[in-house]
Structure formats: structure tokens, C-alpha cells
All heavy atoms as atom14 arrays in JSON, in Angstrom:
{
  "sequence": "MDVSGDPQLLLNPAGSSKRCSNRLARSTGWA",
  "atom14_mask": [
    [1, 1, 1, 1, 1, 1, 1, 1, 0, 0, 0, 0, 0, 0],
    [1, 1, 1, 1, 1, 1, 1, 1, 0, 0, 0, 0, 0, 0],
    [1, 1, 1, 1, 1, 1, 1, 0, 0, 0, 0, 0, 0, 0],
    [1, 1, 1, 1, 1, 1, 0, 0, 0, 0, 0, 0, 0, 0],
    [1, 1, 1, 1, 0, 0, 0, 0, 0, 0, 0, 0, 0, 0],
    [1, 1, 1, 1, 1, 1, 1, 1, 0, 0, 0, 0, 0, 0],
    [1, 1, 1, 1, 1, 1, 1, 0, 0, 0, 0, 0, 0, 0],
    [1, 1, 1, 1, 1, 1, 1, 1, 1, 0, 0, 0, 0, 0],
    [1, 1, 1, 1, 1, 1, 1, 1, 0, 0, 0, 0, 0, 0],
    [1, 1, 1, 1, 1, 1, 1, 1, 0, 0, 0, 0, 0, 0],
    [1, 1, 1, 1, 1, 1, 1, 1, 0, 0, 0, 0, 0, 0],
    [1, 1, 1, 1, 1, 1, 1, 1, 0, 0, 0, 0, 0, 0],
    [1, 1, 1, 1, 1, 1, 1, 0, 0, 0, 0, 0, 0, 0],
    [1, 1, 1, 1, 1, 0, 0, 0, 0, 0, 0, 0, 0, 0],
    [1, 1, 1, 1, 0, 0, 0, 0, 0, 0, 0, 0, 0, 0],
    [1, 1, 1, 1, 1, 1, 0, 0, 0, 0, 0, 0, 0, 0],
    [1, 1, 1, 1, 1, 1, 0, 0, 0, 0, 0, 0, 0, 0],
    [1, 1, 1, 1, 1, 1, 1, 1, 1, 0, 0, 0, 0, 0],
    [1, 1, 1, 1, 1, 1, 1, 1, 1, 1, 1, 0, 0, 0],
    [1, 1, 1, 1, 1, 1, 0, 0, 0, 0, 0, 0, 0, 0],
    [1, 1, 1, 1, 1, 1, 0, 0, 0, 0, 0, 0, 0, 0],
    [1, 1, 1, 1, 1, 1, 1, 1, 0, 0, 0, 0, 0, 0],
    [1, 1, 1, 1, 1, 1, 1, 1, 1, 1, 1, 0, 0, 0],
    [1, 1, 1, 1, 1, 1, 1, 1, 0, 0, 0, 0, 0, 0],
    [1, 1, 1, 1, 1, 0, 0, 0, 0, 0, 0, 0, 0, 0],
    [1, 1, 1, 1, 1, 1, 1, 1, 1, 1, 1, 0, 0, 0],
    [1, 1, 1, 1, 1, 1, 0, 0, 0, 0, 0, 0, 0, 0],
    [1, 1, 1, 1, 1, 1, 1, 0, 0, 0, 0, 0, 0, 0],
    [1, 1, 1, 1, 0, 0, 0, 0, 0, 0, 0, 0, 0, 0],
    [1, 1, 1, 1, 1, 1, 1, 1, 1, 1, 1, 1, 1, 1],
    [1, 1, 1, 1, 1, 0, 0, 0, 0, 0, 0, 0, 0, 0]
  ],
  "atom14_positions": [
    [[0.81, -1.22, 0.0], [0.0, 0.0, 0.0], [0.85, 1.27, 0.0], [0.31, 2.37, -0.01], [-0.95, -0.01, 1.22], [-1.98, -1.12, 1.18], [-3.23, -0.99, 2.5], [-2.24, -1.33, 3.97], [0.0, 0.0, 0.0], [0.0, 0.0, 0.0], [0.0, 0.0, 0.0], [0.0, 0.0, 0.0], [0.0, 0.0, 0.0], [0.0, 0.0, 0.0]],
    [[2.18, 1.08, 0.06], [3.11, 2.21, 0.08], [2.8, 3.15, 1.23], [2.63, 4.37, 1.06], [3.09, 2.96, -1.25], [4.26, 3.93, -1.39], [5.29, 3.71, -0.71], [4.15, 4.89, -2.17], [0.0, 0.0, 0.0], [0.0, 0.0, 0.0], [0.0, 0.0, 0.0], [0.0, 0.0, 0.0], [0.0, 0.0, 0.0], [0.0, 0.0, 0.0]],
    [[2.71, 2.59, 2.42], [2.49, 3.38, 3.63], [3.57, 3.03, 4.64], [4.26, 2.02, 4.51], [1.09, 3.11, 4.24], [-0.01, 3.48, 3.27], [0.96, 1.65, 4.67], [0.0, 0.0, 0.0], [0.0, 0.0, 0.0], [0.0, 0.0, 0.0], [0.0, 0.0, 0.0], [0.0, 0.0, 0.0], [0.0, 0.0, 0.0], [0.0, 0.0, 0.0]],
    [[3.72, 3.86, 5.63], [4.7, 3.61, 6.68], [4.02, 3.68, 8.03], [2.92, 4.22, 8.16], [5.85, 4.61, 6.6], [5.36, 5.94, 6.68], [0.0, 0.0, 0.0], [0.0, 0.0, 0.0], [0.0, 0.0, 0.0], [0.0, 0.0, 0.0], [0.0, 0.0, 0.0], [0.0, 0.0, 0.0], [0.0, 0.0, 0.0], [0.0, 0.0, 0.0]],
    [[4.7, 3.17, 9.02], [4.12, 3.16, 10.35], [4.31, 4.47, 11.08], [5.33, 5.14, 10.94], [0.0, 0.0, 0.0], [0.0, 0.0, 0.0], [0.0, 0.0, 0.0], [0.0, 0.0, 0.0], [0.0, 0.0, 0.0], [0.0, 0.0, 0.0], [0.0, 0.0, 0.0], [0.0, 0.0, 0.0], [0.0, 0.0, 0.0], [0.0, 0.0, 0.0]],
    [[3.32, 4.84, 11.85], [3.39, 6.01, 12.71], [3.92, 5.55, 14.06], [3.34, 4.67, 14.69], [1.98, 6.61, 12.85], [1.97, 7.9, 13.68], [2.81, 8.05, 14.58], [1.1, 8.74, 13.41], [0.0, 0.0, 0.0], [0.0, 0.0, 0.0], [0.0, 0.0, 0.0], [0.0, 0.0, 0.0], [0.0, 0.0, 0.0], [0.0, 0.0, 0.0]],
    [[5.03, 6.14, 14.54], [5.61, 5.7, 15.82], [4.61, 5.69, 16.97], [4.77, 4.94, 17.93], [6.74, 6.7, 16.06], [7.1, 7.21, 14.7], [5.81, 7.22, 13.93], [0.0, 0.0, 0.0], [0.0, 0.0, 0.0], [0.0, 0.0, 0.0], [0.0, 0.0, 0.0], [0.0, 0.0, 0.0], [0.0, 0.0, 0.0], [0.0, 0.0, 0.0]],
    [[3.59, 6.54, 16.88], [2.63, 6.63, 17.98], [1.46, 5.65, 17.84], [0.61, 5.58, 18.74], [2.09, 8.06, 18.06], [3.16, 9.11, 18.34], [2.55, 10.48, 18.51], [1.48, 10.64, 19.1], [3.22, 11.5, 17.99], [0.0, 0.0, 0.0], [0.0, 0.0, 0.0], [0.0, 0.0, 0.0], [0.0, 0.0, 0.0], [0.0, 0.0, 0.0]],
    [[1.42, 4.92, 16.73], [0.29, 4.01, 16.5], [0.78, 2.56, 16.49], [1.23, 2.04, 15.48], [-0.39, 4.33, 15.16], [-0.99, 5.73, 15.04], [-1.58, 5.94, 13.65], [-2.07, 5.96, 16.11], [0.0, 0.0, 0.0], [0.0, 0.0, 0.0], [0.0, 0.0, 0.0], [0.0, 0.0, 0.0], [0.0, 0.0, 0.0], [0.0, 0.0, 0.0]],
    [[0.69, 1.93, 17.64], [1.13, 0.54, 17.77], [-0.07, -0.39, 17.83], [-1.02, -0.15, 18.59], [1.98, 0.36, 19.03], [3.44, 0.8, 18.98], [4.1, 0.57, 20.32], [4.19, 0.05, 17.88], [0.0, 0.0, 0.0], [0.0, 0.0, 0.0], [0.0, 0.0, 0.0], [0.0, 0.0, 0.0], [0.0, 0.0, 0.0], [0.0, 0.0, 0.0]],
    [[-0.04, -1.44, 17.04], [-1.06, -2.47, 17.13], [-0.92, -3.21, 18.45], [0.19, -3.36, 18.98], [-0.9, -3.47, 15.98], [-1.23, -2.99, 14.57], [-0.65, -3.96, 13.55], [-2.73, -2.86, 14.39], [0.0, 0.0, 0.0], [0.0, 0.0, 0.0], [0.0, 0.0, 0.0], [0.0, 0.0, 0.0], [0.0, 0.0, 0.0], [0.0, 0.0, 0.0]],
    [[-2.02, -3.69, 18.96], [-1.93, -4.59, 20.1], [-1.23, -5.86, 19.67], [-1.53, -6.4, 18.6], [-3.32, -4.93, 20.64], [-4.0, -3.74, 21.28], [-3.35, -2.89, 21.88], [-5.31, -3.66, 21.15], [0.0, 0.0, 0.0], [0.0, 0.0, 0.0], [0.0, 0.0, 0.0], [0.0, 0.0, 0.0], [0.0, 0.0, 0.0], [0.0, 0.0, 0.0]],
    [[-0.28, -6.36, 20.44], [0.37, -7.61, 20.04], [-0.62, -8.76, 20.01], [-1.66, -8.72, 20.69], [1.43, -7.83, 21.13], [0.94, -7.04, 22.3], [0.21, -5.86, 21.72], [0.0, 0.0, 0.0], [0.0, 0.0, 0.0], [0.0, 0.0, 0.0], [0.0, 0.0, 0.0], [0.0, 0.0, 0.0], [0.0, 0.0, 0.0], [0.0, 0.0, 0.0]],
    [[-0.33, -9.74, 19.21], [-1.19, -10.91, 19.13], [-1.43, -11.48, 20.52], [-0.5, -11.58, 21.33], [-0.57, -11.96, 18.22], [0.0, 0.0, 0.0], [0.0, 0.0, 0.0], [0.0, 0.0, 0.0], [0.0, 0.0, 0.0], [0.0, 0.0, 0.0], [0.0, 0.0, 0.0], [0.0, 0.0, 0.0], [0.0, 0.0, 0.0], [0.0, 0.0, 0.0]],
    [[-2.68, -11.84, 20.81], [-3.03, -12.3, 22.16], [-2.34, -13.58, 22.56], [-2.14, -13.84, 23.74], [0.0, 0.0, 0.0], [0.0, 0.0, 0.0], [0.0, 0.0, 0.0], [0.0, 0.0, 0.0], [0.0, 0.0, 0.0], [0.0, 0.0, 0.0], [0.0, 0.0, 0.0], [0.0, 0.0, 0.0], [0.0, 0.0, 0.0], [0.0, 0.0, 0.0]],
    [[-2.0, -14.4, 21.59], [-1.26, -15.63, 21.86], [-0.32, -15.84, 20.68], [-0.26, -15.01, 19.77], [-2.21, -16.82, 22.02], [-2.91, -17.05, 20.81], [0.0, 0.0, 0.0], [0.0, 0.0, 0.0], [0.0, 0.0, 0.0], [0.0, 0.0, 0.0], [0.0, 0.0, 0.0], [0.0, 0.0, 0.0], [0.0, 0.0, 0.0], [0.0, 0.0, 0.0]],
    [[0.43, -16.89, 20.72], [1.33, -17.18, 19.61], [1.32, -18.69, 19.39], [1.88, -19.45, 20.17], [2.75, -16.7, 19.92], [3.62, -16.97, 18.84], [0.0, 0.0, 0.0], [0.0, 0.0, 0.0], [0.0, 0.0, 0.0], [0.0, 0.0, 0.0], [0.0, 0.0, 0.0], [0.0, 0.0, 0.0], [0.0, 0.0, 0.0], [0.0, 0.0, 0.0]],
    [[0.62, -19.1, 18.35], [0.5, -20.52, 18.03], [0.36, -20.67, 16.53], [0.0, -19.73, 15.83], [-0.7, -21.14, 18.74], [-2.02, -20.4, 18.5], [-3.14, -21.0, 19.3], [-4.43, -20.2, 19.15], [-4.43, -19.0, 20.0], [0.0, 0.0, 0.0], [0.0, 0.0, 0.0], [0.0, 0.0, 0.0], [0.0, 0.0, 0.0], [0.0, 0.0, 0.0]],
    [[0.65, -21.85, 16.04], [0.52, -22.14, 14.62], [-0.52, -23.22, 14.46], [-0.32, -24.37, 14.87], [1.87, -22.56, 14.04], [2.85, -21.41, 13.94], [4.21, -21.85, 13.43], [4.99, -22.49, 14.49], [6.23, -22.94, 14.33], [6.83, -22.83, 13.15], [6.87, -23.48, 15.33], [0.0, 0.0, 0.0], [0.0, 0.0, 0.0], [0.0, 0.0, 0.0]],
    [[-1.66, -22.86, 13.88], [-2.79, -23.78, 13.77], [-2.71, -24.56, 12.46], [-2.45, -23.99, 11.4], [-4.11, -23.02, 13.85], [-4.35, -22.17, 15.42], [0.0, 0.0, 0.0], [0.0, 0.0, 0.0], [0.0, 0.0, 0.0], [0.0, 0.0, 0.0], [0.0, 0.0, 0.0], [0.0, 0.0, 0.0], [0.0, 0.0, 0.0], [0.0, 0.0, 0.0]],
    [[-2.97, -25.84, 12.55], [-2.9, -26.74, 11.39], [-4.29, -27.02, 10.83], [-5.22, -27.32, 11.59], [-2.24, -28.06, 11.79], [-2.38, -29.03, 10.77], [0.0, 0.0, 0.0], [0.0, 0.0, 0.0], [0.0, 0.0, 0.0], [0.0, 0.0, 0.0], [0.0, 0.0, 0.0], [0.0, 0.0, 0.0], [0.0, 0.0, 0.0], [0.0, 0.0, 0.0]],
    [[-4.41, -26.97, 9.51], [-5.68, -27.31, 8.85], [-5.64, -28.69, 8.22], [-6.44, -29.01, 7.34], [-6.05, -26.25, 7.81], [-5.03, -26.19, 6.66], [-4.18, -27.07, 6.49], [-5.12, -25.15, 5.85], [0.0, 0.0, 0.0], [0.0, 0.0, 0.0], [0.0, 0.0, 0.0], [0.0, 0.0, 0.0], [0.0, 0.0, 0.0], [0.0, 0.0, 0.0]],
    [[-4.71, -29.52, 8.67], [-4.49, -30.82, 8.03], [-5.76, -31.68, 8.04], [-6.09, -32.3, 7.03], [-3.35, -31.57, 8.73], [-3.02, -32.92, 8.08], [-1.83, -33.57, 8.76], [-0.65, -32.7, 8.71], [0.49, -32.99, 9.31], [0.62, -34.09, 10.05], [1.52, -32.16, 9.21], [0.0, 0.0, 0.0], [0.0, 0.0, 0.0], [0.0, 0.0, 0.0]],
    [[-6.48, -31.71, 9.16], [-7.68, -32.55, 9.22], [-8.75, -32.04, 8.26], [-9.38, -32.82, 7.54], [-8.22, -32.59, 10.64], [-9.47, -33.48, 10.84], [-9.14, -34.93, 10.49], [-9.97, -33.38, 12.28], [0.0, 0.0, 0.0], [0.0, 0.0, 0.0], [0.0, 0.0, 0.0], [0.0, 0.0, 0.0], [0.0, 0.0, 0.0], [0.0, 0.0, 0.0]],
    [[-8.96, -30.73, 8.23], [-9.95, -30.16, 7.31], [-9.56, -30.47, 5.86], [-10.41, -30.83, 5.04], [-10.07, -28.65, 7.52], [0.0, 0.0, 0.0], [0.0, 0.0, 0.0], [0.0, 0.0, 0.0], [0.0, 0.0, 0.0], [0.0, 0.0, 0.0], [0.0, 0.0, 0.0], [0.0, 0.0, 0.0], [0.0, 0.0, 0.0], [0.0, 0.0, 0.0]],
    [[-8.3, -30.33, 5.54], [-7.84, -30.62, 4.18], [-8.03, -32.1, 3.83], [-8.29, -32.43, 2.67], [-6.36, -30.25, 4.03], [-6.12, -28.8, 3.6], [-4.65, -28.54, 3.32], [-4.43, -27.35, 2.52], [-4.48, -27.33, 1.2], [-4.74, -28.43, 0.54], [-4.27, -26.2, 0.54], [0.0, 0.0, 0.0], [0.0, 0.0, 0.0], [0.0, 0.0, 0.0]],
    [[-7.94, -32.98, 4.82], [-8.08, -34.42, 4.55], [-9.49, -34.78, 4.1], [-9.72, -35.86, 3.55], [-7.71, -35.23, 5.8], [-8.72, -35.15, 6.79], [0.0, 0.0, 0.0], [0.0, 0.0, 0.0], [0.0, 0.0, 0.0], [0.0, 0.0, 0.0], [0.0, 0.0, 0.0], [0.0, 0.0, 0.0], [0.0, 0.0, 0.0], [0.0, 0.0, 0.0]],
    [[-10.47, -33.88, 4.31], [-11.84, -34.13, 3.89], [-12.07, -33.77, 2.42], [-13.15, -33.99, 1.89], [-12.83, -33.32, 4.74], [-12.66, -31.92, 4.46], [-12.61, -33.57, 6.23], [0.0, 0.0, 0.0], [0.0, 0.0, 0.0], [0.0, 0.0, 0.0], [0.0, 0.0, 0.0], [0.0, 0.0, 0.0], [0.0, 0.0, 0.0], [0.0, 0.0, 0.0]],
    [[-11.07, -33.14, 1.8], [-11.22, -32.7, 0.43], [-11.38, -31.19, 0.29], [-11.42, -30.68, -0.83], [0.0, 0.0, 0.0], [0.0, 0.0, 0.0], [0.0, 0.0, 0.0], [0.0, 0.0, 0.0], [0.0, 0.0, 0.0], [0.0, 0.0, 0.0], [0.0, 0.0, 0.0], [0.0, 0.0, 0.0], [0.0, 0.0, 0.0], [0.0, 0.0, 0.0]],
    [[-11.43, -30.49, 1.41], [-11.5, -29.04, 1.38], [-10.1, -28.45, 1.23], [-9.13, -29.02, 1.74], [-12.13, -28.51, 2.66], [-12.04, -27.01, 2.84], [-12.86, -26.07, 2.32], [-11.06, -26.3, 3.6], [-12.45, -24.81, 2.7], [-11.36, -24.92, 3.49], [-9.95, -26.69, 4.37], [-10.59, -23.93, 4.11], [-9.19, -25.71, 4.99], [-9.51, -24.35, 4.87]],
    [[-10.0, -27.36, 0.52], [-8.74, -26.62, 0.42], [-9.06, -25.13, 0.35], [-10.01, -24.73, -0.33], [-7.94, -27.05, -0.81], [0.0, 0.0, 0.0], [0.0, 0.0, 0.0], [0.0, 0.0, 0.0], [0.0, 0.0, 0.0], [0.0, 0.0, 0.0], [0.0, 0.0, 0.0], [0.0, 0.0, 0.0], [0.0, 0.0, 0.0], [0.0, 0.0, 0.0]]
  ]
}
């Protein structure tokens, strides 16, 4: 988007940190 961050505008950090797997959903034929 050709924008830069404003030092005074910080996003809230992610509430947790995990990597979720969609392997089971994909095994049904969904993608």
C-alpha cells in the first residue's frame, strides 16, 4: 500500500502465539 508506520500508532500484540494446522480439514477434500 506504500504506507509507513506512525511511531505513535502501535497495534496490540497478538493475544497468543501458536501455529494452527488445517491438516484434518484438508483431509476431507477441502482446500
